[in-house]
PDB file of all heavy atoms in Angstrom:
ATOM      1  N   ASP A   1      -4.824   7.875  -7.909  1.00  0.00           N
ATOM      2  CA  ASP A   1      -4.092   9.094  -8.037  1.00  0.00           C
ATOM      3  C   ASP A   1      -2.694   8.902  -7.467  1.00  0.00           C
ATOM      4  O   ASP A   1      -2.517   8.351  -6.352  1.00  0.00           O
ATOM      5  CB  ASP A   1      -4.818  10.222  -7.345  1.00  0.00           C
ATOM      6  CG  ASP A   1      -4.054  11.599  -7.543  1.00  0.00           C
ATOM      7  OD1 ASP A   1      -3.972  12.040  -8.700  1.00  0.00           O
ATOM      8  OD2 ASP A   1      -3.603  12.136  -6.587  1.00  0.00           O
ATOM      9  N   GLU A   2      -1.661   9.352  -8.192  1.00  0.00           N
ATOM     10  CA  GLU A   2      -0.277   9.208  -7.740  1.00  0.00           C
ATOM     11  C   GLU A   2       0.437  10.554  -7.815  1.00  0.00           C
ATOM     12  O   GLU A   2       0.149  11.332  -8.755  1.00  0.00           O
ATOM     13  CB  GLU A   2       0.496   8.185  -8.605  1.00  0.00           C
ATOM     14  CG  GLU A   2      -0.101   6.794  -8.558  1.00  0.00           C
ATOM     15  CD  GLU A   2       0.577   5.822  -9.528  1.00  0.00           C
ATOM     16  OE1 GLU A   2       1.614   6.294 -10.150  1.00  0.00           O
ATOM     17  OE2 GLU A   2       0.150   4.696  -9.702  1.00  0.00           O
ATOM     18  N   LYS A   3       1.325  10.778  -6.906  1.00  0.00           N
ATOM     19  CA  LYS A   3       2.044  12.102  -6.899  1.00  0.00           C
ATOM     20  C   LYS A   3       3.454  11.956  -6.317  1.00  0.00           C
ATOM     21  O   LYS A   3       3.585  11.488  -5.173  1.00  0.00           O
ATOM     22  CB  LYS A   3       1.269  13.124  -6.137  1.00  0.00           C
ATOM     23  CG  LYS A   3       1.869  14.540  -6.232  1.00  0.00           C
ATOM     24  CD  LYS A   3       1.028  15.542  -5.420  1.00  0.00           C
ATOM     25  CE  LYS A   3       1.655  16.936  -5.438  1.00  0.00           C
ATOM     26  NZ  LYS A   3       0.823  17.884  -4.649  1.00  0.00           N
ATOM     27  N   ASP A   4       4.443  12.356  -7.090  1.00  0.00           N
ATOM     28  CA  ASP A   4       5.852  12.490  -6.629  1.00  0.00           C
ATOM     29  C   ASP A   4       6.307  11.181  -5.978  1.00  0.00           C
ATOM     30  O   ASP A   4       6.981  11.244  -4.875  1.00  0.00           O
ATOM     31  CB  ASP A   4       5.974  13.688  -5.621  1.00  0.00           C
ATOM     32  CG  ASP A   4       5.575  14.957  -6.235  1.00  0.00           C
ATOM     33  OD1 ASP A   4       5.775  15.212  -7.489  1.00  0.00           O
ATOM     34  OD2 ASP A   4       5.031  15.866  -5.497  1.00  0.00           O
ATOM     35  N   LEU A   5       6.103  10.093  -6.636  1.00  0.00           N
ATOM     36  CA  LEU A   5       6.529   8.841  -6.011  1.00  0.00           C
ATOM     37  C   LEU A   5       7.972   8.471  -6.351  1.00  0.00           C
ATOM     38  O   LEU A   5       8.461   8.680  -7.357  1.00  0.00           O
ATOM     39  CB  LEU A   5       5.607   7.700  -6.471  1.00  0.00           C
ATOM     40  CG  LEU A   5       4.144   7.860  -6.137  1.00  0.00           C
ATOM     41  CD1 LEU A   5       3.332   6.674  -6.674  1.00  0.00           C
ATOM     42  CD2 LEU A   5       3.960   7.975  -4.680  1.00  0.00           C
ATOM     43  N   PRO A   6       8.638   7.822  -5.300  1.00  0.00           N
ATOM     44  CA  PRO A   6      10.047   7.354  -5.528  1.00  0.00           C
ATOM     45  C   PRO A   6      10.023   6.064  -6.345  1.00  0.00           C
ATOM     46  O   PRO A   6       8.958   5.419  -6.437  1.00  0.00           O
ATOM     47  CB  PRO A   6      10.549   7.162  -4.138  1.00  0.00           C
ATOM     48  CG  PRO A   6       9.285   6.720  -3.349  1.00  0.00           C
ATOM     49  CD  PRO A   6       8.220   7.584  -3.888  1.00  0.00           C
ATOM     50  N   ASP A   7      11.143   5.677  -6.890  1.00  0.00           N
ATOM     51  CA  ASP A   7      11.181   4.423  -7.622  1.00  0.00           C
ATOM     52  C   ASP A   7      11.251   3.256  -6.678  1.00  0.00           C
ATOM     53  O   ASP A   7      10.736   2.148  -7.019  1.00  0.00           O
ATOM     54  CB  ASP A   7      12.465   4.424  -8.480  1.00  0.00           C
ATOM     55  CG  ASP A   7      12.386   5.466  -9.624  1.00  0.00           C
ATOM     56  OD1 ASP A   7      11.262   5.731 -10.074  1.00  0.00           O
ATOM     57  OD2 ASP A   7      13.457   6.015 -10.040  1.00  0.00           O
ATOM     58  N   ILE A   8      11.879   3.448  -5.499  1.00  0.00           N
ATOM     59  CA  ILE A   8      12.085   2.383  -4.547  1.00  0.00           C
ATOM     60  C   ILE A   8      11.489   2.764  -3.176  1.00  0.00           C
ATOM     61  O   ILE A   8      11.596   3.935  -2.755  1.00  0.00           O
ATOM     62  CB  ILE A   8      13.560   2.012  -4.373  1.00  0.00           C
ATOM     63  CG1 ILE A   8      14.102   1.597  -5.710  1.00  0.00           C
ATOM     64  CG2 ILE A   8      13.747   0.935  -3.352  1.00  0.00           C
ATOM     65  CD1 ILE A   8      13.563   0.379  -6.323  1.00  0.00           C
ATOM     66  N   ILE A   9      10.904   1.784  -2.465  1.00  0.00           N
ATOM     67  CA  ILE A   9      10.399   2.059  -1.135  1.00  0.00           C
ATOM     68  C   ILE A   9      10.841   0.912  -0.196  1.00  0.00           C
ATOM     69  O   ILE A   9      10.755  -0.297  -0.645  1.00  0.00           O
ATOM     70  CB  ILE A   9       8.842   2.194  -1.154  1.00  0.00           C
ATOM     71  CG1 ILE A   9       8.315   2.470   0.277  1.00  0.00           C
ATOM     72  CG2 ILE A   9       8.175   1.029  -1.793  1.00  0.00           C
ATOM     73  CD1 ILE A   9       6.875   2.722   0.336  1.00  0.00           C
ATOM     74  N   GLY A  10      11.230   1.244   0.994  1.00  0.00           N
ATOM     75  CA  GLY A  10      11.738   0.169   1.917  1.00  0.00           C
ATOM     76  C   GLY A  10      10.610  -0.288   2.858  1.00  0.00           C
ATOM     77  O   GLY A  10      10.274   0.418   3.812  1.00  0.00           O
ATOM     78  N   ILE A  11       9.995  -1.410   2.572  1.00  0.00           N
ATOM     79  CA  ILE A  11       8.856  -1.948   3.321  1.00  0.00           C
ATOM     80  C   ILE A  11       8.884  -3.472   3.345  1.00  0.00           C
ATOM     81  O   ILE A  11       9.618  -4.075   2.632  1.00  0.00           O
ATOM     82  CB  ILE A  11       7.499  -1.505   2.742  1.00  0.00           C
ATOM     83  CG1 ILE A  11       7.449  -1.967   1.257  1.00  0.00           C
ATOM     84  CG2 ILE A  11       7.228  -0.016   2.911  1.00  0.00           C
ATOM     85  CD1 ILE A  11       6.051  -1.729   0.707  1.00  0.00           C
ATOM     86  N   ASP A  12       8.064  -4.075   4.137  1.00  0.00           N
ATOM     87  CA  ASP A  12       7.710  -5.481   4.020  1.00  0.00           C
ATOM     88  C   ASP A  12       6.508  -5.533   3.067  1.00  0.00           C
ATOM     89  O   ASP A  12       5.401  -5.201   3.504  1.00  0.00           O
ATOM     90  CB  ASP A  12       7.371  -6.076   5.347  1.00  0.00           C
ATOM     91  CG  ASP A  12       7.098  -7.590   5.338  1.00  0.00           C
ATOM     92  OD1 ASP A  12       6.400  -8.000   4.383  1.00  0.00           O
ATOM     93  OD2 ASP A  12       7.588  -8.294   6.186  1.00  0.00           O
ATOM     94  N   ALA A  13       6.779  -5.795   1.810  1.00  0.00           N
ATOM     95  CA  ALA A  13       5.750  -5.656   0.790  1.00  0.00           C
ATOM     96  C   ALA A  13       4.531  -6.503   1.082  1.00  0.00           C
ATOM     97  O   ALA A  13       3.396  -6.011   0.902  1.00  0.00           O
ATOM     98  CB  ALA A  13       6.322  -6.034  -0.596  1.00  0.00           C
ATOM     99  N   SER A  14       4.688  -7.726   1.551  1.00  0.00           N
ATOM    100  CA  SER A  14       3.574  -8.593   1.820  1.00  0.00           C
ATOM    101  C   SER A  14       2.660  -8.069   2.904  1.00  0.00           C
ATOM    102  O   SER A  14       1.445  -8.030   2.810  1.00  0.00           O
ATOM    103  CB  SER A  14       4.067 -10.023   2.179  1.00  0.00           C
ATOM    104  OG  SER A  14       2.967 -10.882   2.473  1.00  0.00           O
ATOM    105  N   LEU A  15       3.297  -7.646   4.040  1.00  0.00           N
ATOM    106  CA  LEU A  15       2.515  -7.145   5.161  1.00  0.00           C
ATOM    107  C   LEU A  15       1.830  -5.779   4.850  1.00  0.00           C
ATOM    108  O   LEU A  15       0.722  -5.578   5.206  1.00  0.00           O
ATOM    109  CB  LEU A  15       3.391  -7.017   6.402  1.00  0.00           C
ATOM    110  CG  LEU A  15       3.754  -8.359   7.136  1.00  0.00           C
ATOM    111  CD1 LEU A  15       4.668  -8.054   8.320  1.00  0.00           C
ATOM    112  CD2 LEU A  15       2.486  -9.039   7.574  1.00  0.00           C
ATOM    113  N   MET A  16       2.635  -4.908   4.197  1.00  0.00           N
ATOM    114  CA  MET A  16       2.026  -3.636   3.870  1.00  0.00           C
ATOM    115  C   MET A  16       0.859  -3.711   2.881  1.00  0.00           C
ATOM    116  O   MET A  16      -0.129  -3.010   2.954  1.00  0.00           O
ATOM    117  CB  MET A  16       3.087  -2.667   3.335  1.00  0.00           C
ATOM    118  CG  MET A  16       2.640  -1.212   3.060  1.00  0.00           C
ATOM    119  SD  MET A  16       1.854  -0.450   4.493  1.00  0.00           S
ATOM    120  CE  MET A  16       3.232  -0.496   5.673  1.00  0.00           C
ATOM    121  N   GLN A  17       1.035  -4.683   1.960  1.00  0.00           N
ATOM    122  CA  GLN A  17      -0.062  -4.924   1.025  1.00  0.00           C
ATOM    123  C   GLN A  17      -1.340  -5.410   1.741  1.00  0.00           C
ATOM    124  O   GLN A  17      -2.445  -4.981   1.511  1.00  0.00           O
ATOM    125  CB  GLN A  17       0.416  -5.943  -0.013  1.00  0.00           C
ATOM    126  CG  GLN A  17      -0.670  -6.165  -1.126  1.00  0.00           C
ATOM    127  CD  GLN A  17      -0.119  -7.153  -2.204  1.00  0.00           C
ATOM    128  OE1 GLN A  17      -0.170  -8.361  -2.034  1.00  0.00           O
ATOM    129  NE2 GLN A  17       0.375  -6.569  -3.307  1.00  0.00           N
ATOM    130  N   ARG A  18      -1.061  -6.244   2.752  1.00  0.00           N
ATOM    131  CA  ARG A  18      -2.180  -6.774   3.514  1.00  0.00           C
ATOM    132  C   ARG A  18      -2.864  -5.667   4.329  1.00  0.00           C
ATOM    133  O   ARG A  18      -4.105  -5.603   4.377  1.00  0.00           O
ATOM    134  CB  ARG A  18      -1.670  -7.848   4.509  1.00  0.00           C
ATOM    135  CG  ARG A  18      -2.761  -8.469   5.303  1.00  0.00           C
ATOM    136  CD  ARG A  18      -2.302  -9.486   6.279  1.00  0.00           C
ATOM    137  NE  ARG A  18      -3.449 -10.046   7.014  1.00  0.00           N
ATOM    138  CZ  ARG A  18      -3.332 -10.941   8.046  1.00  0.00           C
ATOM    139  NH1 ARG A  18      -2.166 -11.351   8.372  1.00  0.00           N
ATOM    140  NH2 ARG A  18      -4.365 -11.371   8.654  1.00  0.00           N
ATOM    141  N   ALA A  19      -2.055  -4.738   4.926  1.00  0.00           N
ATOM    142  CA  ALA A  19      -2.648  -3.682   5.673  1.00  0.00           C
ATOM    143  C   ALA A  19      -3.572  -2.770   4.747  1.00  0.00           C
ATOM    144  O   ALA A  19      -4.629  -2.439   5.160  1.00  0.00           O
ATOM    145  CB  ALA A  19      -1.523  -2.783   6.267  1.00  0.00           C
ATOM    146  N   ILE A  20      -3.043  -2.429   3.592  1.00  0.00           N
ATOM    147  CA  ILE A  20      -3.776  -1.611   2.671  1.00  0.00           C
ATOM    148  C   ILE A  20      -5.043  -2.299   2.176  1.00  0.00           C
ATOM    149  O   ILE A  20      -6.146  -1.719   2.113  1.00  0.00           O
ATOM    150  CB  ILE A  20      -2.878  -1.113   1.518  1.00  0.00           C
ATOM    151  CG1 ILE A  20      -1.779  -0.222   2.023  1.00  0.00           C
ATOM    152  CG2 ILE A  20      -3.711  -0.404   0.452  1.00  0.00           C
ATOM    153  CD1 ILE A  20      -0.696   0.121   1.015  1.00  0.00           C
ATOM    154  N   ILE A  21      -4.933  -3.573   1.864  1.00  0.00           N
ATOM    155  CA  ILE A  21      -6.052  -4.308   1.341  1.00  0.00           C
ATOM    156  C   ILE A  21      -7.107  -4.471   2.411  1.00  0.00           C
ATOM    157  O   ILE A  21      -8.317  -4.442   2.149  1.00  0.00           O
ATOM    158  CB  ILE A  21      -5.643  -5.707   0.776  1.00  0.00           C
ATOM    159  CG1 ILE A  21      -4.843  -5.503  -0.493  1.00  0.00           C
ATOM    160  CG2 ILE A  21      -6.877  -6.597   0.581  1.00  0.00           C
ATOM    161  CD1 ILE A  21      -5.626  -4.786  -1.597  1.00  0.00           C
ATOM    162  N   ASN A  22      -6.708  -4.593   3.696  1.00  0.00           N
ATOM    163  CA  ASN A  22      -7.696  -4.647   4.825  1.00  0.00           C
ATOM    164  C   ASN A  22      -8.515  -3.323   4.842  1.00  0.00           C
ATOM    165  O   ASN A  22      -9.687  -3.379   5.006  1.00  0.00           O
ATOM    166  CB  ASN A  22      -6.989  -4.805   6.153  1.00  0.00           C
ATOM    167  CG  ASN A  22      -6.734  -6.194   6.544  1.00  0.00           C
ATOM    168  OD1 ASN A  22      -6.996  -7.159   5.750  1.00  0.00           O
ATOM    169  ND2 ASN A  22      -6.176  -6.423   7.679  1.00  0.00           N
ATOM    170  N   VAL A  23      -7.812  -2.237   4.618  1.00  0.00           N
ATOM    171  CA  VAL A  23      -8.499  -0.945   4.607  1.00  0.00           C
ATOM    172  C   VAL A  23      -9.447  -0.826   3.420  1.00  0.00           C
ATOM    173  O   VAL A  23     -10.607  -0.407   3.531  1.00  0.00           O
ATOM    174  CB  VAL A  23      -7.433   0.221   4.562  1.00  0.00           C
ATOM    175  CG1 VAL A  23      -8.178   1.580   4.410  1.00  0.00           C
ATOM    176  CG2 VAL A  23      -6.607   0.236   5.834  1.00  0.00           C
ATOM    177  N   VAL A  24      -8.978  -1.233   2.250  1.00  0.00           N
ATOM    178  CA  VAL A  24      -9.776  -1.194   1.043  1.00  0.00           C
ATOM    179  C   VAL A  24     -10.970  -2.146   1.145  1.00  0.00           C
ATOM    180  O   VAL A  24     -12.053  -1.782   0.727  1.00  0.00           O
ATOM    181  CB  VAL A  24      -8.890  -1.596  -0.220  1.00  0.00           C
ATOM    182  CG1 VAL A  24      -9.799  -1.698  -1.408  1.00  0.00           C
ATOM    183  CG2 VAL A  24      -7.834  -0.536  -0.464  1.00  0.00           C
ATOM    184  N   SER A  25     -10.790  -3.271   1.739  1.00  0.00           N
ATOM    185  CA  SER A  25     -11.834  -4.230   1.899  1.00  0.00           C
ATOM    186  C   SER A  25     -12.973  -3.686   2.756  1.00  0.00           C
ATOM    187  O   SER A  25     -14.184  -3.831   2.480  1.00  0.00           O
ATOM    188  CB  SER A  25     -11.327  -5.521   2.553  1.00  0.00           C
ATOM    189  OG  SER A  25     -12.372  -6.500   2.653  1.00  0.00           O
ATOM    190  N   ASN A  26     -12.582  -2.944   3.809  1.00  0.00           N
ATOM    191  CA  ASN A  26     -13.563  -2.228   4.661  1.00  0.00           C
ATOM    192  C   ASN A  26     -14.302  -1.178   3.848  1.00  0.00           C
ATOM    193  O   ASN A  26     -15.514  -1.061   3.944  1.00  0.00           O
ATOM    194  CB  ASN A  26     -12.877  -1.631   5.879  1.00  0.00           C
ATOM    195  CG  ASN A  26     -12.670  -2.618   6.971  1.00  0.00           C
ATOM    196  OD1 ASN A  26     -13.564  -2.953   7.707  1.00  0.00           O
ATOM    197  ND2 ASN A  26     -11.404  -3.027   7.116  1.00  0.00           N
ATOM    198  N   ALA A  27     -13.554  -0.416   3.081  1.00  0.00           N
ATOM    199  CA  ALA A  27     -14.115   0.605   2.254  1.00  0.00           C
ATOM    200  C   ALA A  27     -15.139   0.072   1.233  1.00  0.00           C
ATOM    201  O   ALA A  27     -16.223   0.643   1.052  1.00  0.00           O
ATOM    202  CB  ALA A  27     -13.028   1.385   1.464  1.00  0.00           C
ATOM    203  N   VAL A  28     -14.814  -1.093   0.652  1.00  0.00           N
ATOM    204  CA  VAL A  28     -15.738  -1.727  -0.263  1.00  0.00           C
ATOM    205  C   VAL A  28     -17.034  -2.172   0.477  1.00  0.00           C
ATOM    206  O   VAL A  28     -18.142  -1.943  -0.030  1.00  0.00           O
ATOM    207  CB  VAL A  28     -15.088  -2.981  -0.976  1.00  0.00           C
ATOM    208  CG1 VAL A  28     -16.159  -3.749  -1.679  1.00  0.00           C
ATOM    209  CG2 VAL A  28     -13.986  -2.511  -1.874  1.00  0.00           C
TER     210      VAL A  28
END
């Protein structure tokens, strides 16, 4: 589900992806 997202976001994409995938991996 997505809502009101900007086109650009200022992050470290690699690390943030890792953080989220860690959470998802636990959820799985």
